[in-house]
Protein backbone atom coordinates (compact mmCIF):
# COMPACT_ATOMS: atom_id res chain seq x y z
CA MET A 1 48.01 76.22 117.85
CA LEU A 2 51.14 78.25 117.12
CA ALA A 3 54.56 76.93 117.99
CA GLU A 4 55.79 80.40 119.03
CA PRO A 5 54.01 82.57 121.61
CA LEU A 6 52.79 85.94 120.43
CA ARG A 7 54.98 88.75 121.73
CA PHE A 8 53.78 92.28 122.45
CA ALA A 9 56.45 93.62 120.08
CA ASP A 10 54.76 91.64 117.28
CA ILE A 11 51.26 92.70 118.35
CA ARG A 12 52.01 96.42 118.45
CA ARG A 13 53.31 96.34 114.85
CA THR A 14 49.99 95.14 113.46
CA SER A 15 47.73 97.51 111.54
CA ALA A 16 44.79 96.66 113.82
CA PHE A 17 46.77 97.68 116.91
CA ARG A 18 48.03 100.91 115.36
CA LEU A 19 44.62 101.88 114.00
CA THR A 20 42.90 101.13 117.32
CA ALA A 21 45.58 103.03 119.23
CA MET A 22 45.28 106.00 116.88
CA LEU A 23 41.48 106.09 117.19
CA GLY A 24 41.79 105.60 120.94
CA VAL A 25 44.18 108.51 121.29
CA THR A 26 41.87 110.66 119.18
CA PHE A 27 38.91 109.65 121.34
CA ALA A 28 40.86 110.30 124.55
CA ALA A 29 41.97 113.70 123.28
CA GLY A 30 38.33 114.54 122.50
CA ILE A 31 37.24 113.47 125.98
CA VAL A 32 40.00 115.53 127.61
CA LEU A 33 39.16 118.54 125.47
CA LEU A 34 35.46 118.25 126.22
CA THR A 35 35.99 117.77 129.96
CA GLY A 36 38.51 120.61 130.09
CA THR A 37 36.15 122.93 128.22
CA ILE A 38 33.32 122.07 130.60
CA TYR A 39 35.59 122.72 133.58
CA LEU A 40 36.86 126.07 132.25
CA LEU A 41 33.38 127.30 131.40
CA THR A 42 31.99 126.17 134.75
CA ALA A 43 34.88 127.66 136.75
CA ARG A 44 34.59 130.92 134.82
CA GLU A 45 30.85 131.10 135.39
CA LEU A 46 31.25 130.42 139.13
CA THR A 47 34.02 133.04 139.37
CA ASP A 48 31.93 135.65 137.51
CA ARG A 49 29.03 134.80 139.76
CA SER A 50 31.20 135.28 142.85
CA ASP A 51 32.45 138.63 141.49
CA ARG A 52 28.89 139.82 140.91
CA ILE A 53 27.88 138.81 144.42
CA LEU A 54 30.95 140.54 145.89
CA ALA A 55 30.18 143.72 143.94
CA ASP A 56 26.57 143.61 145.12
CA LEU A 57 27.56 143.05 148.77
CA ALA A 58 30.15 145.80 148.59
CA GLY A 59 27.56 148.19 147.07
CA GLN A 60 25.14 147.45 149.91
CA MET A 61 27.83 148.12 152.51
CA LEU A 62 28.96 151.35 150.86
CA ALA A 63 25.35 152.59 150.83
CA VAL A 64 25.42 152.68 154.64
CA ALA A 65 26.31 155.94 156.36
CA PRO A 66 30.06 156.18 157.05
CA GLN A 67 29.50 156.47 160.80
CA ALA A 68 27.39 153.31 160.89
CA LEU A 69 29.68 151.27 158.59
CA PRO A 70 31.85 149.70 161.35
CA ALA A 71 28.76 148.52 163.22
CA ARG A 72 27.27 147.15 159.98
CA VAL A 73 30.49 145.24 159.24
CA ARG A 74 30.39 143.68 162.73
CA VAL A 75 26.75 142.71 162.29
CA GLU A 76 27.30 141.17 158.89
CA THR A 77 30.39 139.30 160.14
CA GLU A 78 28.39 137.78 162.97
CA ARG A 79 25.48 137.02 160.66
CA ALA A 80 27.69 135.16 158.15
CA GLY A 81 28.24 132.31 160.55
CA SER A 82 28.17 129.76 157.72
CA GLY A 83 31.59 130.98 156.59
CA LEU A 84 30.40 131.82 153.10
CA ASN A 85 30.89 135.60 153.20
CA TYR A 86 33.58 137.56 155.04
CA TYR A 87 33.96 141.27 155.83
CA GLY A 88 36.60 143.63 157.04
CA LEU A 89 37.06 147.39 157.52
CA LEU A 90 40.43 149.05 157.71
CA GLY A 91 41.11 152.63 158.70
CA SER A 92 42.86 155.09 156.49
CA ASP A 93 46.06 154.16 158.29
CA GLY A 94 45.54 150.47 157.44
CA GLU A 95 44.67 149.44 160.99
CA PRO A 96 41.72 147.06 161.52
CA VAL A 97 38.49 148.76 162.49
CA ALA A 98 35.96 145.92 162.24
CA GLY A 99 35.61 142.41 160.76
CA THR A 100 38.08 139.58 160.34
CA LEU A 101 39.67 140.34 156.96
CA ARG A 102 43.01 142.00 156.42
CA MET A 103 44.38 143.68 153.31
CA PRO A 104 46.86 141.42 151.46
CA PRO A 105 49.82 143.32 149.99
CA SER A 106 49.11 142.04 146.47
CA LEU A 107 45.44 143.01 146.43
CA ARG A 108 44.38 145.99 144.32
CA TYR A 109 41.27 148.06 144.76
CA ASP A 110 38.21 147.22 142.65
CA GLN A 111 39.90 144.09 141.26
CA PRO A 112 38.66 140.82 142.80
CA ALA A 113 41.40 138.24 143.38
CA ASP A 114 41.78 134.75 144.78
CA ILE A 115 43.47 134.78 148.19
CA GLU A 116 44.71 131.53 149.65
CA ASP A 117 45.10 132.82 153.23
CA ALA A 118 43.35 135.96 154.43
CA GLY A 119 44.26 135.47 158.08
CA HIS A 120 42.40 133.88 161.01
CA GLY A 121 42.30 130.58 159.09
CA ILE A 122 40.18 132.11 156.33
CA GLY A 123 40.82 130.90 152.79
CA PRO A 124 40.69 130.28 150.02
CA ILE A 125 38.38 133.18 149.23
CA ARG A 126 37.57 135.61 146.46
CA LEU A 127 38.38 139.04 147.87
CA LEU A 128 37.26 142.52 146.74
CA ALA A 129 38.67 145.76 148.17
CA LYS A 130 36.75 149.06 147.98
CA ARG A 131 37.78 152.48 149.23
CA THR A 132 35.10 154.44 151.12
CA ASP A 133 34.47 158.17 150.98
CA ARG A 134 36.34 158.57 154.31
CA GLY A 135 39.48 156.86 152.92
CA GLU A 136 38.77 153.61 154.72
CA THR A 137 39.13 150.21 153.04
CA LEU A 138 36.16 147.90 152.84
CA LEU A 139 36.98 144.23 152.29
CA VAL A 140 34.35 141.75 151.12
CA GLY A 141 35.26 138.08 150.60
CA ARG A 142 33.43 135.00 149.44
CA ASP A 143 34.46 131.41 149.97
CA ILE A 144 35.64 129.64 146.77
CA THR A 145 36.23 126.19 148.26
CA GLN A 146 33.55 124.77 145.97
CA ILE A 147 35.39 126.03 142.90
CA ARG A 148 38.64 124.54 144.19
CA ASP A 149 36.88 121.23 144.92
CA LEU A 150 35.45 121.31 141.42
CA ARG A 151 38.95 121.76 140.02
CA VAL A 152 40.30 118.83 142.05
CA ARG A 153 37.36 116.63 141.06
CA MET A 154 37.65 117.53 137.41
CA LEU A 155 41.40 116.85 137.49
CA GLY A 156 40.72 113.48 139.10
CA ILE A 157 38.11 112.73 136.46
CA LEU A 158 40.57 113.65 133.72
CA VAL A 159 43.36 111.49 135.19
CA TRP A 160 41.26 108.41 135.94
CA SER A 161 39.28 108.63 132.74
CA GLY A 162 42.59 108.90 130.87
CA VAL A 163 43.90 105.81 132.67
CA ALA A 164 40.66 103.92 131.99
CA ILE A 165 40.67 104.96 128.33
CA ALA A 166 44.34 103.96 127.95
CA ILE A 167 43.68 100.55 129.49
CA GLY A 168 40.53 100.10 127.41
CA VAL A 169 42.23 101.17 124.19
CA GLY A 170 45.24 98.94 124.89
CA ALA A 171 43.09 95.91 125.70
CA THR A 172 40.91 96.54 122.65
CA ALA A 173 43.93 97.01 120.38
CA ILE A 174 45.52 93.79 121.65
CA GLY A 175 42.24 91.90 121.35
CA LEU A 176 41.67 93.10 117.80
CA SER A 177 45.27 92.28 116.84
CA LEU A 178 45.48 88.73 118.19
CA GLY A 179 43.16 87.15 115.63
CA PRO A 180 44.76 88.68 112.51
CA LEU A 181 48.26 88.09 113.90
CA ARG A 182 47.52 84.42 114.53
CA ARG A 183 46.21 84.11 111.00
CA VAL A 184 49.31 85.86 109.64
CA ARG A 185 51.49 83.43 111.61
CA ASP A 186 49.57 80.53 110.07
CA LEU A 187 50.00 82.06 106.62
CA GLN A 188 53.74 82.53 107.28
CA ALA A 189 54.11 78.91 108.38
CA ALA A 190 52.29 77.72 105.25
CA SER A 191 54.38 79.99 103.02
CA ARG A 192 57.63 78.72 104.58
CA ALA A 193 56.52 75.15 104.00
CA ILE A 194 55.67 75.97 100.38
CA ALA A 195 59.01 77.73 99.92
CA GLU A 196 60.77 74.60 101.21
CA GLY A 197 59.19 72.62 98.39
CA HIS A 198 55.98 71.32 99.94
CA LEU A 199 53.81 72.47 97.08
CA GLU A 200 50.91 70.36 98.30
CA ARG A 201 50.44 72.79 101.21
CA ARG A 202 47.88 75.57 100.92
CA MET A 203 47.31 78.84 102.73
CA PRO A 204 44.65 78.40 105.46
CA LEU A 205 41.31 80.16 104.92
CA ALA A 206 39.25 81.45 107.86
CA GLY A 207 36.02 81.63 105.87
CA ARG A 208 35.53 85.34 106.61
CA HIS A 209 36.14 86.44 103.00
CA ASP A 210 38.21 89.36 104.29
CA GLU A 211 41.44 90.69 102.80
CA LEU A 212 43.55 87.90 104.35
CA ASP A 213 41.26 85.24 102.91
CA GLN A 214 41.38 86.93 99.51
CA LEU A 215 45.19 87.04 99.64
CA ALA A 216 45.39 83.40 100.77
CA ASP A 217 43.01 82.32 98.02
CA THR A 218 45.08 84.15 95.40
CA VAL A 219 48.33 82.61 96.68
CA ASN A 220 46.73 79.14 96.74
CA ALA A 221 45.74 79.49 93.11
CA MET A 222 49.26 80.63 92.24
CA VAL A 223 50.88 77.76 94.18
CA GLU A 224 48.60 75.28 92.43
CA ASP A 225 49.65 76.60 89.03
CA VAL A 226 53.33 76.62 90.00
CA GLY A 227 53.07 73.09 91.41
CA ARG A 228 51.40 71.87 88.24
CA THR A 229 54.12 73.43 86.11
CA ILE A 230 56.94 72.05 88.26
CA ALA A 231 55.33 68.62 88.28
CA GLN A 232 55.16 68.67 84.49
CA VAL A 233 58.80 69.72 84.20
CA LYS A 234 59.91 67.14 86.75
CA GLY A 235 57.84 64.49 85.04
CA VAL A 236 59.51 65.21 81.73
CA THR A 237 62.96 65.25 83.36
CA ASP A 238 62.37 61.99 85.23
CA ALA A 239 60.93 60.34 82.13
CA ILE A 240 63.94 61.37 80.08
CA ALA A 241 66.33 60.16 82.78
CA HIS A 242 64.47 56.87 83.14
CA ASP A 243 64.01 56.19 79.43
CA LEU A 244 67.57 57.09 78.40
CA ARG A 245 69.36 55.31 81.22
CA THR A 246 68.84 51.81 79.77
CA PRO A 247 69.96 52.52 76.17
CA LEU A 248 72.88 54.61 77.41
CA THR A 249 73.91 51.78 79.69
CA ARG A 250 73.90 49.40 76.70
CA VAL A 251 75.92 51.89 74.62
CA ARG A 252 78.40 52.23 77.47
CA ALA A 253 78.76 48.44 77.78
CA ASN A 254 79.31 48.03 74.03
CA LEU A 255 81.90 50.80 73.94
CA HIS A 256 83.68 49.27 76.90
CA ARG A 257 83.83 45.87 75.20
CA ILE A 258 85.14 47.45 72.00
CA ALA A 259 87.82 49.30 73.98
CA GLN A 260 89.08 45.96 75.32
CA ASP A 261 89.88 44.69 71.80
CA ASP A 262 93.67 44.24 71.53
CA ALA A 263 93.58 44.83 67.78
CA LEU A 264 92.29 48.37 68.32
CA ALA A 265 94.74 51.21 67.84
CA SER A 266 95.88 52.92 71.03
CA ASP A 267 94.50 56.34 70.04
CA HIS A 268 91.13 54.82 69.23
CA ARG A 269 91.15 52.96 72.54
CA ALA A 270 91.86 56.23 74.36
CA ARG A 271 88.94 57.93 72.63
CA LEU A 272 86.61 55.04 73.48
CA THR A 273 87.76 55.13 77.10
CA GLN A 274 87.02 58.88 77.23
CA ALA A 275 83.58 58.24 75.70
CA VAL A 276 82.90 55.57 78.35
CA ASP A 277 83.91 58.05 81.11
CA ASP A 278 81.57 60.69 79.65
CA LEU A 279 78.74 58.17 79.54
CA ASP A 280 79.46 57.26 83.18
CA THR A 281 79.07 60.94 84.08
CA VAL A 282 75.76 61.16 82.20
CA LEU A 283 74.48 57.96 83.84
CA GLU A 284 75.58 59.26 87.23
CA ARG A 285 73.56 62.44 86.67
CA PHE A 286 70.51 60.47 85.55
CA ALA A 287 70.81 58.27 88.65
CA ALA A 288 71.03 61.36 90.87
CA LEU A 289 67.96 62.91 89.21
CA LEU A 290 65.93 59.75 89.70
CA ARG A 291 67.13 59.51 93.29
CA ILE A 292 66.03 63.10 94.00
CA SER A 293 62.61 62.38 92.52
CA GLU A 294 62.37 59.21 94.60
CA LEU A 295 63.22 61.12 97.78
CA GLU A 296 60.88 64.01 97.04
CA ALA A 297 58.07 61.54 96.35
CA GLY A 298 58.62 60.10 99.85
CA SER A 299 58.87 56.49 98.71
CA ARG A 300 61.76 55.81 101.15
CA ARG A 301 59.96 57.02 104.29
CA ALA A 302 58.25 53.73 105.03
CA GLY A 303 61.47 52.29 106.49
CA PHE A 304 62.15 55.09 108.97
CA ALA A 305 63.27 54.08 112.47
CA ALA A 306 64.96 55.61 115.52
CA VAL A 307 68.51 56.69 114.62
CA ASP A 308 71.29 58.82 116.13
CA LEU A 309 72.53 61.55 113.80
CA GLY A 310 75.56 62.14 116.03
CA ALA A 311 76.59 58.49 115.69
CA ILE A 312 76.05 58.68 111.93
CA ALA A 313 78.35 61.73 111.78
CA ALA A 314 80.98 59.78 113.75
CA SER A 315 80.77 56.91 111.25
CA VAL A 316 81.17 59.34 108.35
CA ALA A 317 84.20 60.93 110.00
CA GLU A 318 85.78 57.50 110.48
CA LEU A 319 85.14 56.63 106.82
CA TYR A 320 86.58 59.87 105.43
CA GLU A 321 89.55 60.20 107.76
CA PRO A 322 91.96 58.38 105.34
CA LEU A 323 90.81 60.54 102.42
CA ALA A 324 91.28 63.68 104.53
CA GLU A 325 94.82 62.59 105.44
CA ASP A 326 95.65 61.97 101.78
CA CYS A 327 94.42 65.49 100.94
CA GLY A 328 96.36 67.02 103.84
CA VAL A 329 93.16 68.05 105.63
CA ALA A 330 92.66 67.70 109.38
CA LEU A 331 89.28 66.11 110.17
CA SER A 332 87.92 66.58 113.71
CA LEU A 333 84.72 65.36 115.37
CA ASP A 334 82.80 66.83 118.31
CA CYS A 335 79.28 65.40 118.06
CA GLY A 336 76.80 64.56 120.79
CA THR A 337 73.73 62.39 120.64
CA LEU A 338 71.02 63.60 118.23
CA PRO A 339 68.09 61.15 118.24
CA LEU A 340 65.93 61.24 115.10
CA HIS A 341 63.29 59.21 113.31
CA GLY A 342 64.62 58.48 109.87
CA ASP A 343 66.56 56.29 107.45
CA GLU A 344 70.13 55.69 108.62
CA LYS A 345 71.50 55.00 105.12
CA LEU A 346 69.98 58.16 103.66
CA LEU A 347 71.26 60.33 106.50
CA PHE A 348 74.69 58.71 106.17
CA GLU A 349 74.66 59.62 102.48
CA ALA A 350 73.67 63.23 103.21
CA VAL A 351 76.39 63.78 105.82
CA SER A 352 78.91 61.98 103.60
CA ASN A 353 78.17 64.33 100.71
CA LEU A 354 78.72 67.36 102.97
CA VAL A 355 82.01 66.00 104.35
CA ASP A 356 83.17 65.03 100.86
CA ASN A 357 82.44 68.55 99.59
CA ALA A 358 84.22 70.12 102.58
CA ILE A 359 87.35 68.05 101.89
CA LYS A 360 87.14 68.52 98.11
CA PHE A 361 86.57 72.29 98.11
CA GLY A 362 88.52 73.15 101.26
CA ARG A 363 92.11 74.31 101.20
CA ALA A 364 95.14 72.06 101.31
CA GLY A 365 96.37 71.80 104.88
CA GLY A 366 93.00 73.06 106.10
CA HIS A 367 90.61 71.81 108.74
CA VAL A 368 87.17 70.17 108.45
CA ARG A 369 85.03 69.96 111.60
CA LEU A 370 81.87 67.99 112.41
CA VAL A 371 80.26 69.69 115.40
CA THR A 372 76.87 69.44 117.09
CA GLY A 373 75.38 72.26 119.13
CA GLU A 374 72.24 74.11 120.13
CA ASP A 375 71.04 77.57 119.15
CA ALA A 376 67.81 79.19 120.41
CA GLY A 377 66.59 75.85 121.73
CA ARG A 378 67.16 74.03 118.41
CA TRP A 379 69.93 71.51 117.80
CA HIS A 380 72.20 71.61 114.76
CA LEU A 381 74.95 69.57 113.10
CA ASP A 382 77.67 71.62 111.39
CA VAL A 383 80.11 70.48 108.73
CA ALA A 384 82.58 73.37 108.59
CA ASP A 385 85.72 73.99 106.55
CA ASP A 386 88.16 76.90 106.25
CA GLY A 387 88.37 77.00 102.47
CA PRO A 388 87.24 79.71 100.04
CA GLY A 389 83.55 79.14 100.90
CA ILE A 390 80.57 80.11 98.75
CA ALA A 391 79.53 83.68 97.96
CA ALA A 392 76.46 84.84 99.89
CA ASP A 393 74.45 85.42 96.70
CA GLU A 394 75.11 81.83 95.53
CA ARG A 395 74.21 79.88 98.69
CA GLU A 396 70.58 79.41 97.76
CA ALA A 397 71.34 78.72 94.09
CA VAL A 398 73.80 75.88 94.77
CA LEU A 399 70.99 73.90 96.40
CA ARG A 400 69.20 73.75 93.08
CA ARG A 401 69.87 71.05 90.50
CA PHE A 402 72.93 71.42 88.25
CA HIS A 403 73.98 74.76 89.70
CA ARG A 404 77.63 74.94 90.65
CA GLY A 405 79.33 77.72 92.56
CA SER A 406 81.92 79.92 90.93
CA ASN A 407 84.64 78.28 93.07
CA ALA A 408 83.65 74.79 91.83
CA ALA A 409 83.47 75.45 88.11
CA ASN A 410 86.62 73.44 87.35
CA ALA A 411 86.11 70.72 89.95
CA PRO A 412 84.70 67.32 88.96
CA GLY A 413 81.03 66.73 89.72
CA SER A 414 77.53 67.08 88.35
CA GLY A 415 76.10 69.86 90.53
CA LEU A 416 73.53 67.49 92.05
CA GLY A 417 75.22 66.60 95.35
CA LEU A 418 73.66 69.36 97.46
CA SER A 419 70.32 68.80 95.72
CA VAL A 420 70.42 65.18 96.87
CA VAL A 421 71.34 66.31 100.40
CA SER A 422 68.44 68.79 100.45
CA ALA A 423 66.04 66.11 99.22
CA ILE A 424 67.20 63.63 101.88
CA LEU A 425 66.95 66.22 104.67
CA GLY A 426 63.56 67.39 103.41
CA ALA A 427 62.26 63.82 103.60
CA HIS A 428 63.32 63.80 107.29
CA GLY A 429 61.81 67.18 108.18
CA LEU A 430 65.26 68.78 108.25
CA ARG A 431 66.82 71.61 106.31
CA LEU A 432 70.28 72.61 105.08
CA ASP A 433 71.61 76.13 105.71
CA LEU A 434 74.87 77.38 104.22
CA ARG A 435 76.64 79.99 106.35
CA ASP A 436 79.88 81.93 106.36
CA ALA A 437 82.59 80.39 108.57
CA GLN A 438 84.93 83.41 108.18
CA PRO A 439 86.84 81.90 106.45
CA GLY A 440 85.21 78.91 104.85
CA LEU A 441 81.72 77.49 104.79
CA ILE A 442 79.40 75.99 107.40
CA ALA A 443 76.85 73.46 106.12
CA ARG A 444 74.33 73.33 108.97
CA ILE A 445 71.66 70.66 109.37
CA THR A 446 68.74 71.85 111.54
CA PRO A 447 65.11 70.88 112.09
CA ALA A 448 62.79 72.59 109.63
CA GLU A 449 60.56 75.24 111.20
């Protein structure tokens, strides 16, 4: 199961959603075009058929003798009781002579037209006007309600089919996108874990042998090769650190004893003392390397218990308050309770390193703050200073072994402090983020995703 719910904004960005939506729109456009073409052809055929019928009826009426035409119009009007056909006869002066139809002002002779209201509640009809040999006007109309009903029905079909197609396409697009998006989320979670140093993790395979499985399989092979290479390099580094620590310790002890000889010249004693200090630095780096390896191997996790990171931060602040006062730095604490499952001594060491760095690399007369808070439902512990900070392009690099920021080039240290902190936090399922404090630096401890 995924920790985060899938949002529609994420679903609609998937290729499956876009492709389904594109095909759905194309299909809907084809349906609309087809339905519209059928409607236009049908309406045109019905209209042409009505015009032919009107022309035929008008021809039959005009074939009657002029004197008998009014009586014929009355007879046909009474006969057309179904309301399908309508007739009217107007005199040369425009006055009604027979029938129920009247001449609309917009109607032209010999040109059938749709009339919405022809009087006496008649309409809509298709109306044809013909002039007789006596100058009278013969009106013949035919009901077009069926054509109008067809138009309304076709419009309804277009609208509801469009709605149904849109719903169907949307549901199909979402359904086709959920599976790949869940798999992508799983791949992202695995890749983040690998990027955080968990090289034993592998990309999940769904067994479908599709493009995502092929990509995951390729990445897994790459991660395995990278892990093997890193393990070999770390093994060599740890072996060197382990094997050289003992002889270097003996050399350091011998040099220290020689430096204590009163018969030794003062300049020689000074050189031996400097050599002892250099050996102490080398031994300190070897010890840090072995400690990082020990933490990354997880050998200290067996003694984990319930601890309070906020209380640990308070203890660190109490320990470093005298050092901060000596350096002219104000140290403040605003930490709540942060229950964790971990090693209290290791967490104390990690927070101590961050506070020590903040005091060491902050500005004289500056301010160092230990603050707990919550952001987007996740707690965090900040160690913030108002010193020169670390450049944005160096914040990831300083977490690696032996890398020192440009602002710390002349400061004492081995470049392993933040590496030790990262290793301790990684063993506890935590992570270290370095952020800009504007001015200064914020070292933020948060739960790993």
